């Protein structure tokens, strides 16, 4: 259970604010107006603090209850602007479209791709094959991992098979566009984790007993 002690607001109100921000393409000031319409007076800076504080806790709860993914992955990266500078969001989905993992990095190179690959494997196990574009960095990262661990991951460079992850990027980009850019790398990483979390819930990736709508699934992570 996630603790909400010490806050001037009830846990339900905090969870509303956090979920609405990561679930819908809105800014903090727009969210402030939405909360006010529901009788909750809360400053946009407080809403920002809620997201940065509670998203990592909610994500940890989700990862403990995440459904297993398939053994054939599609890996790619997209761009996110932080303090006016483009950074790189590495993402992977399985062949059914379930999110495998994600990682925001400052650079787009073999070292960054290998860091993401290790993170994804640590959480999801070693895949049998990974489909990528013609990125030399991604190829080198998988080859490096294979050499280090003797994993034998098959590398495939078939563009049409990678369309599924490229399409999946769009849902994340559409969500972050109204956020008006990120002020720090850390806040970007945390916020993106919240967006990815809600995206995975909508895909049905949370292990559940019983039927719950995506909103109730999100709130259940705090219980």
C-alpha atoms as a PDB file:
ATOM      1  CA  UNK A   1       0.000   0.000   0.000  1.00  0.00           C
ATOM      2  CA  UNK A   2       1.219   3.498  -0.830  1.00  0.00           C
ATOM      3  CA  UNK A   3       1.227   5.952   2.064  1.00  0.00           C
ATOM      4  CA  UNK A   4      -0.380   9.396   1.672  1.00  0.00           C
ATOM      5  CA  UNK A   5       0.245  10.661   5.210  1.00  0.00           C
ATOM      6  CA  UNK A   6       1.241  14.290   5.647  1.00  0.00           C
ATOM      7  CA  UNK A   7      -0.710  15.593   2.677  1.00  0.00           C
ATOM      8  CA  UNK A   8      -3.348  18.310   3.021  1.00  0.00           C
ATOM      9  CA  UNK A   9      -5.440  16.468   0.433  1.00  0.00           C
ATOM     10  CA  UNK A  10      -7.199  13.113   0.593  1.00  0.00           C
ATOM     11  CA  UNK A  11      -5.608  10.220  -1.270  1.00  0.00           C
ATOM     12  CA  UNK A  12      -8.532  10.015  -3.727  1.00  0.00           C
ATOM     13  CA  UNK A  13      -7.969  13.623  -4.746  1.00  0.00           C
ATOM     14  CA  UNK A  14      -4.228  13.091  -5.217  1.00  0.00           C
ATOM     15  CA  UNK A  15      -4.828   9.988  -7.326  1.00  0.00           C
ATOM     16  CA  UNK A  16      -7.361  11.879  -9.467  1.00  0.00           C
ATOM     17  CA  UNK A  17      -4.802  14.540 -10.224  1.00  0.00           C
ATOM     18  CA  UNK A  18      -1.987  12.106 -10.988  1.00  0.00           C
ATOM     19  CA  UNK A  19      -4.106   9.844 -13.198  1.00  0.00           C
ATOM     20  CA  UNK A  20      -5.724  12.650 -15.177  1.00  0.00           C
ATOM     21  CA  UNK A  21      -2.339  14.163 -15.961  1.00  0.00           C
ATOM     22  CA  UNK A  22      -0.761  10.931 -17.205  1.00  0.00           C
ATOM     23  CA  UNK A  23      -3.944   9.651 -18.859  1.00  0.00           C
ATOM     24  CA  UNK A  24      -4.951  12.668 -20.960  1.00  0.00           C
ATOM     25  CA  UNK A  25      -3.124  15.218 -23.165  1.00  0.00           C
ATOM     26  CA  UNK A  26      -3.345  18.238 -20.838  1.00  0.00           C
ATOM     27  CA  UNK A  27      -1.048  20.765 -19.167  1.00  0.00           C
ATOM     28  CA  UNK A  28      -0.760  21.312 -15.415  1.00  0.00           C
ATOM     29  CA  UNK A  29      -2.649  24.607 -15.681  1.00  0.00           C
ATOM     30  CA  UNK A  30      -5.489  22.893 -17.521  1.00  0.00           C
ATOM     31  CA  UNK A  31      -5.529  20.215 -14.841  1.00  0.00           C
ATOM     32  CA  UNK A  32      -5.655  22.929 -12.168  1.00  0.00           C
ATOM     33  CA  UNK A  33      -8.826  24.275 -13.821  1.00  0.00           C
ATOM     34  CA  UNK A  34     -10.340  20.790 -14.012  1.00  0.00           C
ATOM     35  CA  UNK A  35      -9.709  20.198 -10.316  1.00  0.00           C
ATOM     36  CA  UNK A  36     -11.178  23.593  -9.453  1.00  0.00           C
ATOM     37  CA  UNK A  37     -14.379  22.734 -11.356  1.00  0.00           C
ATOM     38  CA  UNK A  38     -14.715  19.744  -9.032  1.00  0.00           C
ATOM     39  CA  UNK A  39     -14.324  21.874  -5.931  1.00  0.00           C
ATOM     40  CA  UNK A  40     -10.635  21.178  -5.324  1.00  0.00           C
ATOM     41  CA  UNK A  41      -8.391  24.234  -5.107  1.00  0.00           C
ATOM     42  CA  UNK A  42      -4.873  23.068  -5.844  1.00  0.00           C
ATOM     43  CA  UNK A  43      -2.004  24.911  -7.514  1.00  0.00           C
ATOM     44  CA  UNK A  44      -0.433  23.535 -10.689  1.00  0.00           C
ATOM     45  CA  UNK A  45       2.933  23.340  -8.916  1.00  0.00           C
ATOM     46  CA  UNK A  46       1.395  21.058  -6.283  1.00  0.00           C
ATOM     47  CA  UNK A  47      -0.027  18.856  -9.017  1.00  0.00           C
ATOM     48  CA  UNK A  48       3.474  18.611 -10.472  1.00  0.00           C
ATOM     49  CA  UNK A  49       4.855  17.549  -7.082  1.00  0.00           C
ATOM     50  CA  UNK A  50       2.179  14.866  -6.811  1.00  0.00           C
ATOM     51  CA  UNK A  51       3.123  13.395 -10.175  1.00  0.00           C
ATOM     52  CA  UNK A  52       6.844  13.393  -9.385  1.00  0.00           C
ATOM     53  CA  UNK A  53       6.293  11.857  -5.938  1.00  0.00           C
ATOM     54  CA  UNK A  54       3.674   9.212  -6.648  1.00  0.00           C
ATOM     55  CA  UNK A  55       4.349   8.004 -10.201  1.00  0.00           C
ATOM     56  CA  UNK A  56       7.522   6.091  -9.197  1.00  0.00           C
ATOM     57  CA  UNK A  57       5.599   4.396  -6.368  1.00  0.00           C
ATOM     58  CA  UNK A  58       2.677   3.493  -8.635  1.00  0.00           C
ATOM     59  CA  UNK A  59       5.026   2.232 -11.343  1.00  0.00           C
ATOM     60  CA  UNK A  60       6.789  -0.041  -8.842  1.00  0.00           C
ATOM     61  CA  UNK A  61       3.425  -1.522  -7.837  1.00  0.00           C
ATOM     62  CA  UNK A  62       2.514  -2.029 -11.492  1.00  0.00           C
ATOM     63  CA  UNK A  63       5.788  -3.781 -12.338  1.00  0.00           C
ATOM     64  CA  UNK A  64       5.162  -6.235  -9.509  1.00  0.00           C
ATOM     65  CA  UNK A  65       1.812  -7.121 -11.129  1.00  0.00           C
ATOM     66  CA  UNK A  66       2.643  -6.797 -14.819  1.00  0.00           C
ATOM     67  CA  UNK A  67       1.640  -9.564 -17.197  1.00  0.00           C
ATOM     68  CA  UNK A  68       4.511 -11.442 -18.891  1.00  0.00           C
ATOM     69  CA  UNK A  69       5.344 -10.327 -22.425  1.00  0.00           C
ATOM     70  CA  UNK A  70       6.161 -12.420 -25.485  1.00  0.00           C
ATOM     71  CA  UNK A  71       9.630 -13.517 -26.564  1.00  0.00           C
ATOM     72  CA  UNK A  72       9.662 -11.627 -29.896  1.00  0.00           C
ATOM     73  CA  UNK A  73      10.333  -7.915 -29.367  1.00  0.00           C
ATOM     74  CA  UNK A  74      10.248  -4.814 -31.560  1.00  0.00           C
ATOM     75  CA  UNK A  75      12.763  -2.190 -30.377  1.00  0.00           C
ATOM     76  CA  UNK A  76      12.981   1.436 -31.468  1.00  0.00           C
ATOM     77  CA  UNK A  77      13.539   4.934 -30.092  1.00  0.00           C
ATOM     78  CA  UNK A  78      11.643   8.198 -30.392  1.00  0.00           C
ATOM     79  CA  UNK A  79      12.414  11.809 -29.472  1.00  0.00           C
ATOM     80  CA  UNK A  80      11.378  13.896 -26.462  1.00  0.00           C
ATOM     81  CA  UNK A  81      12.374  17.507 -25.842  1.00  0.00           C
ATOM     82  CA  UNK A  82      13.881  18.344 -22.429  1.00  0.00           C
ATOM     83  CA  UNK A  83      14.862  21.966 -21.702  1.00  0.00           C
ATOM     84  CA  UNK A  84      14.719  22.625 -25.444  1.00  0.00           C
ATOM     85  CA  UNK A  85      17.074  19.758 -26.312  1.00  0.00           C
ATOM     86  CA  UNK A  86      16.055  16.469 -27.935  1.00  0.00           C
ATOM     87  CA  UNK A  87      16.517  13.353 -25.786  1.00  0.00           C
ATOM     88  CA  UNK A  88      15.772   9.755 -26.690  1.00  0.00           C
ATOM     89  CA  UNK A  89      13.041   7.485 -25.400  1.00  0.00           C
ATOM     90  CA  UNK A  90      13.942   3.851 -26.038  1.00  0.00           C
ATOM     91  CA  UNK A  91      10.899   1.587 -26.157  1.00  0.00           C
ATOM     92  CA  UNK A  92      10.099  -2.032 -26.972  1.00  0.00           C
ATOM     93  CA  UNK A  93       6.861  -3.927 -27.509  1.00  0.00           C
ATOM     94  CA  UNK A  94       6.238  -7.590 -28.167  1.00  0.00           C
ATOM     95  CA  UNK A  95       4.658  -8.851 -31.395  1.00  0.00           C
ATOM     96  CA  UNK A  96       1.181  -8.475 -29.886  1.00  0.00           C
ATOM     97  CA  UNK A  97       1.852  -4.820 -29.020  1.00  0.00           C
ATOM     98  CA  UNK A  98       2.298  -5.217 -25.264  1.00  0.00           C
ATOM     99  CA  UNK A  99       4.866  -2.794 -23.863  1.00  0.00           C
ATOM    100  CA  UNK A 100       8.062  -4.569 -22.841  1.00  0.00           C
ATOM    101  CA  UNK A 101       9.923  -1.617 -21.322  1.00  0.00           C
ATOM    102  CA  UNK A 102      11.097   1.964 -21.874  1.00  0.00           C
ATOM    103  CA  UNK A 103      14.039   4.192 -20.925  1.00  0.00           C
ATOM    104  CA  UNK A 104      14.788   7.883 -21.428  1.00  0.00           C
ATOM    105  CA  UNK A 105      18.426   8.521 -22.367  1.00  0.00           C
ATOM    106  CA  UNK A 106      20.505  11.610 -23.067  1.00  0.00           C
ATOM    107  CA  UNK A 107      22.190  10.073 -26.107  1.00  0.00           C
ATOM    108  CA  UNK A 108      21.337   7.714 -28.932  1.00  0.00           C
ATOM    109  CA  UNK A 109      24.295   5.349 -29.131  1.00  0.00           C
ATOM    110  CA  UNK A 110      25.369   1.799 -28.381  1.00  0.00           C
ATOM    111  CA  UNK A 111      25.879   2.509 -24.682  1.00  0.00           C
ATOM    112  CA  UNK A 112      22.358   3.921 -24.305  1.00  0.00           C
ATOM    113  CA  UNK A 113      20.795   1.088 -26.320  1.00  0.00           C
ATOM    114  CA  UNK A 114      22.663  -1.516 -24.259  1.00  0.00           C
ATOM    115  CA  UNK A 115      21.506   0.107 -21.011  1.00  0.00           C
ATOM    116  CA  UNK A 116      17.926  -0.085 -22.202  1.00  0.00           C
ATOM    117  CA  UNK A 117      18.320  -3.688 -23.359  1.00  0.00           C
ATOM    118  CA  UNK A 118      19.727  -4.756 -20.000  1.00  0.00           C
ATOM    119  CA  UNK A 119      16.885  -3.012 -18.176  1.00  0.00           C
ATOM    120  CA  UNK A 120      14.255  -4.672 -20.365  1.00  0.00           C
ATOM    121  CA  UNK A 121      15.809  -8.131 -19.962  1.00  0.00           C
ATOM    122  CA  UNK A 122      16.216  -7.691 -16.215  1.00  0.00           C
ATOM    123  CA  UNK A 123      12.470  -7.074 -15.898  1.00  0.00           C
ATOM    124  CA  UNK A 124      11.105  -9.359 -18.616  1.00  0.00           C
ATOM    125  CA  UNK A 125      13.634 -12.101 -19.288  1.00  0.00           C
ATOM    126  CA  UNK A 126      15.685 -12.705 -22.430  1.00  0.00           C
ATOM    127  CA  UNK A 127      13.777 -12.623 -25.730  1.00  0.00           C
ATOM    128  CA  UNK A 128      14.342 -15.104 -28.543  1.00  0.00           C
ATOM    129  CA  UNK A 129      14.486 -12.390 -31.203  1.00  0.00           C
ATOM    130  CA  UNK A 130      14.460  -8.599 -31.491  1.00  0.00           C
ATOM    131  CA  UNK A 131      13.327  -6.699 -34.574  1.00  0.00           C
ATOM    132  CA  UNK A 132      14.979  -3.306 -35.100  1.00  0.00           C
ATOM    133  CA  UNK A 133      15.433  -0.749 -37.861  1.00  0.00           C
ATOM    134  CA  UNK A 134      18.829  -0.286 -39.495  1.00  0.00           C
ATOM    135  CA  UNK A 135      20.279   1.451 -36.434  1.00  0.00           C
ATOM    136  CA  UNK A 136      23.896   0.483 -35.993  1.00  0.00           C
ATOM    137  CA  UNK A 137      23.740   1.361 -32.289  1.00  0.00           C
ATOM    138  CA  UNK A 138      20.877  -1.066 -31.617  1.00  0.00           C
ATOM    139  CA  UNK A 139      22.574  -3.801 -33.611  1.00  0.00           C
ATOM    140  CA  UNK A 140      25.833  -3.286 -31.715  1.00  0.00           C
ATOM    141  CA  UNK A 141      24.014  -3.310 -28.354  1.00  0.00           C
ATOM    142  CA  UNK A 142      22.325  -6.659 -29.021  1.00  0.00           C
ATOM    143  CA  UNK A 143      25.562  -8.145 -30.349  1.00  0.00           C
ATOM    144  CA  UNK A 144      27.398  -6.893 -27.260  1.00  0.00           C
ATOM    145  CA  UNK A 145      24.789  -8.436 -24.959  1.00  0.00           C
ATOM    146  CA  UNK A 146      24.959 -11.730 -26.860  1.00  0.00           C
ATOM    147  CA  UNK A 147      28.751 -11.766 -26.564  1.00  0.00           C
ATOM    148  CA  UNK A 148      28.663 -10.965 -22.840  1.00  0.00           C
ATOM    149  CA  UNK A 149      25.950 -13.434 -21.861  1.00  0.00           C
ATOM    150  CA  UNK A 150      25.951 -15.981 -24.738  1.00  0.00           C
ATOM    151  CA  UNK A 151      22.224 -15.237 -25.001  1.00  0.00           C
ATOM    152  CA  UNK A 152      21.905 -15.890 -28.729  1.00  0.00           C
ATOM    153  CA  UNK A 153      19.198 -13.286 -29.363  1.00  0.00           C
ATOM    154  CA  UNK A 154      18.286 -13.270 -33.060  1.00  0.00           C
ATOM    155  CA  UNK A 155      18.507  -9.817 -34.683  1.00  0.00           C
ATOM    156  CA  UNK A 156      16.012  -9.009 -37.425  1.00  0.00           C
ATOM    157  CA  UNK A 157      15.963  -5.835 -39.516  1.00  0.00           C
ATOM    158  CA  UNK A 158      12.564  -5.945 -41.191  1.00  0.00           C
ATOM    159  CA  UNK A 159      10.989  -2.512 -41.337  1.00  0.00           C
ATOM    160  CA  UNK A 160       7.345  -3.499 -41.740  1.00  0.00           C
ATOM    161  CA  UNK A 161       7.575  -5.710 -38.639  1.00  0.00           C
ATOM    162  CA  UNK A 162       8.746  -2.686 -36.654  1.00  0.00           C
ATOM    163  CA  UNK A 163       5.686  -0.635 -37.626  1.00  0.00           C
ATOM    164  CA  UNK A 164       3.933  -1.835 -34.485  1.00  0.00           C
ATOM    165  CA  UNK A 165       6.381  -0.075 -32.143  1.00  0.00           C
ATOM    166  CA  UNK A 166       6.503   3.031 -34.350  1.00  0.00           C
ATOM    167  CA  UNK A 167       2.704   3.253 -34.181  1.00  0.00           C
ATOM    168  CA  UNK A 168       2.880   2.745 -30.421  1.00  0.00           C
ATOM    169  CA  UNK A 169       5.244   5.723 -30.114  1.00  0.00           C
ATOM    170  CA  UNK A 170       2.462   7.945 -31.428  1.00  0.00           C
ATOM    171  CA  UNK A 171       0.244   7.318 -28.405  1.00  0.00           C
ATOM    172  CA  UNK A 172       3.040   8.515 -26.121  1.00  0.00           C
ATOM    173  CA  UNK A 173       3.914  11.528 -28.287  1.00  0.00           C
ATOM    174  CA  UNK A 174       0.264  12.561 -28.529  1.00  0.00           C
ATOM    175  CA  UNK A 175       0.060  12.484 -24.740  1.00  0.00           C
ATOM    176  CA  UNK A 176       3.192  14.531 -24.082  1.00  0.00           C
ATOM    177  CA  UNK A 177       2.697  17.225 -26.742  1.00  0.00           C
ATOM    178  CA  UNK A 178       0.410  19.478 -24.606  1.00  0.00           C
ATOM    179  CA  UNK A 179       2.771  19.204 -21.616  1.00  0.00           C
ATOM    180  CA  UNK A 180       4.759  22.118 -23.096  1.00  0.00           C
ATOM    181  CA  UNK A 181       8.175  20.513 -22.708  1.00  0.00           C
ATOM    182  CA  UNK A 182      10.023  19.202 -19.685  1.00  0.00           C
ATOM    183  CA  UNK A 183      12.129  21.352 -17.380  1.00  0.00           C
ATOM    184  CA  UNK A 184      14.534  18.628 -16.263  1.00  0.00           C
ATOM    185  CA  UNK A 185      15.653  15.173 -17.350  1.00  0.00           C
ATOM    186  CA  UNK A 186      14.401  13.645 -14.093  1.00  0.00           C
ATOM    187  CA  UNK A 187      10.928  15.178 -14.330  1.00  0.00           C
ATOM    188  CA  UNK A 188      10.729  14.019 -17.959  1.00  0.00           C
ATOM    189  CA  UNK A 189      11.689  10.459 -17.007  1.00  0.00           C
ATOM    190  CA  UNK A 190       9.146  10.319 -14.170  1.00  0.00           C
ATOM    191  CA  UNK A 191       6.317  11.848 -16.198  1.00  0.00           C
ATOM    192  CA  UNK A 192       6.977   9.542 -19.146  1.00  0.00           C
ATOM    193  CA  UNK A 193       6.901   6.581 -16.765  1.00  0.00           C
ATOM    194  CA  UNK A 194       3.421   7.693 -15.691  1.00  0.00           C
ATOM    195  CA  UNK A 195       2.250   8.031 -19.294  1.00  0.00           C
ATOM    196  CA  UNK A 196       3.688   4.605 -20.138  1.00  0.00           C
ATOM    197  CA  UNK A 197       2.059   3.155 -17.015  1.00  0.00           C
ATOM    198  CA  UNK A 198      -1.415   4.322 -18.033  1.00  0.00           C
ATOM    199  CA  UNK A 199      -0.763   3.177 -21.613  1.00  0.00           C
ATOM    200  CA  UNK A 200       0.098  -0.333 -20.387  1.00  0.00           C
ATOM    201  CA  UNK A 201      -3.000  -0.448 -18.185  1.00  0.00           C
ATOM    202  CA  UNK A 202      -5.171   0.419 -21.185  1.00  0.00           C
ATOM    203  CA  UNK A 203      -3.535  -2.441 -23.075  1.00  0.00           C
ATOM    204  CA  UNK A 204      -4.611  -4.849 -20.333  1.00  0.00           C
ATOM    205  CA  UNK A 205      -1.102  -5.516 -19.017  1.00  0.00           C
ATOM    206  CA  UNK A 206      -2.003  -5.436 -15.308  1.00  0.00           C
ATOM    207  CA  UNK A 207      -2.618  -8.823 -13.708  1.00  0.00           C
ATOM    208  CA  UNK A 208      -6.047  -8.680 -12.088  1.00  0.00           C
ATOM    209  CA  UNK A 209      -8.591 -10.797 -10.291  1.00  0.00           C
ATOM    210  CA  UNK A 210     -11.923  -9.584 -11.594  1.00  0.00           C
ATOM    211  CA  UNK A 211     -12.951  -6.950 -14.119  1.00  0.00           C
ATOM    212  CA  UNK A 212     -11.960  -3.321 -13.556  1.00  0.00           C
ATOM    213  CA  UNK A 213     -11.978  -0.335 -15.905  1.00  0.00           C
ATOM    214  CA  UNK A 214      -8.575   1.295 -16.586  1.00  0.00           C
ATOM    215  CA  UNK A 215      -9.225   4.091 -14.063  1.00  0.00           C
ATOM    216  CA  UNK A 216     -10.022   1.606 -11.270  1.00  0.00           C
ATOM    217  CA  UNK A 217      -6.981  -0.452 -12.244  1.00  0.00           C
ATOM    218  CA  UNK A 218      -4.811   2.643 -11.813  1.00  0.00           C
ATOM    219  CA  UNK A 219      -6.281   3.440  -8.407  1.00  0.00           C
ATOM    220  CA  UNK A 220      -5.888  -0.179  -7.284  1.00  0.00           C
ATOM    221  CA  UNK A 221      -2.115   0.204  -7.516  1.00  0.00           C
ATOM    222  CA  UNK A 222      -2.224   2.424  -4.413  1.00  0.00           C
ATOM    223  CA  UNK A 223      -4.142  -0.123  -2.350  1.00  0.00           C
END
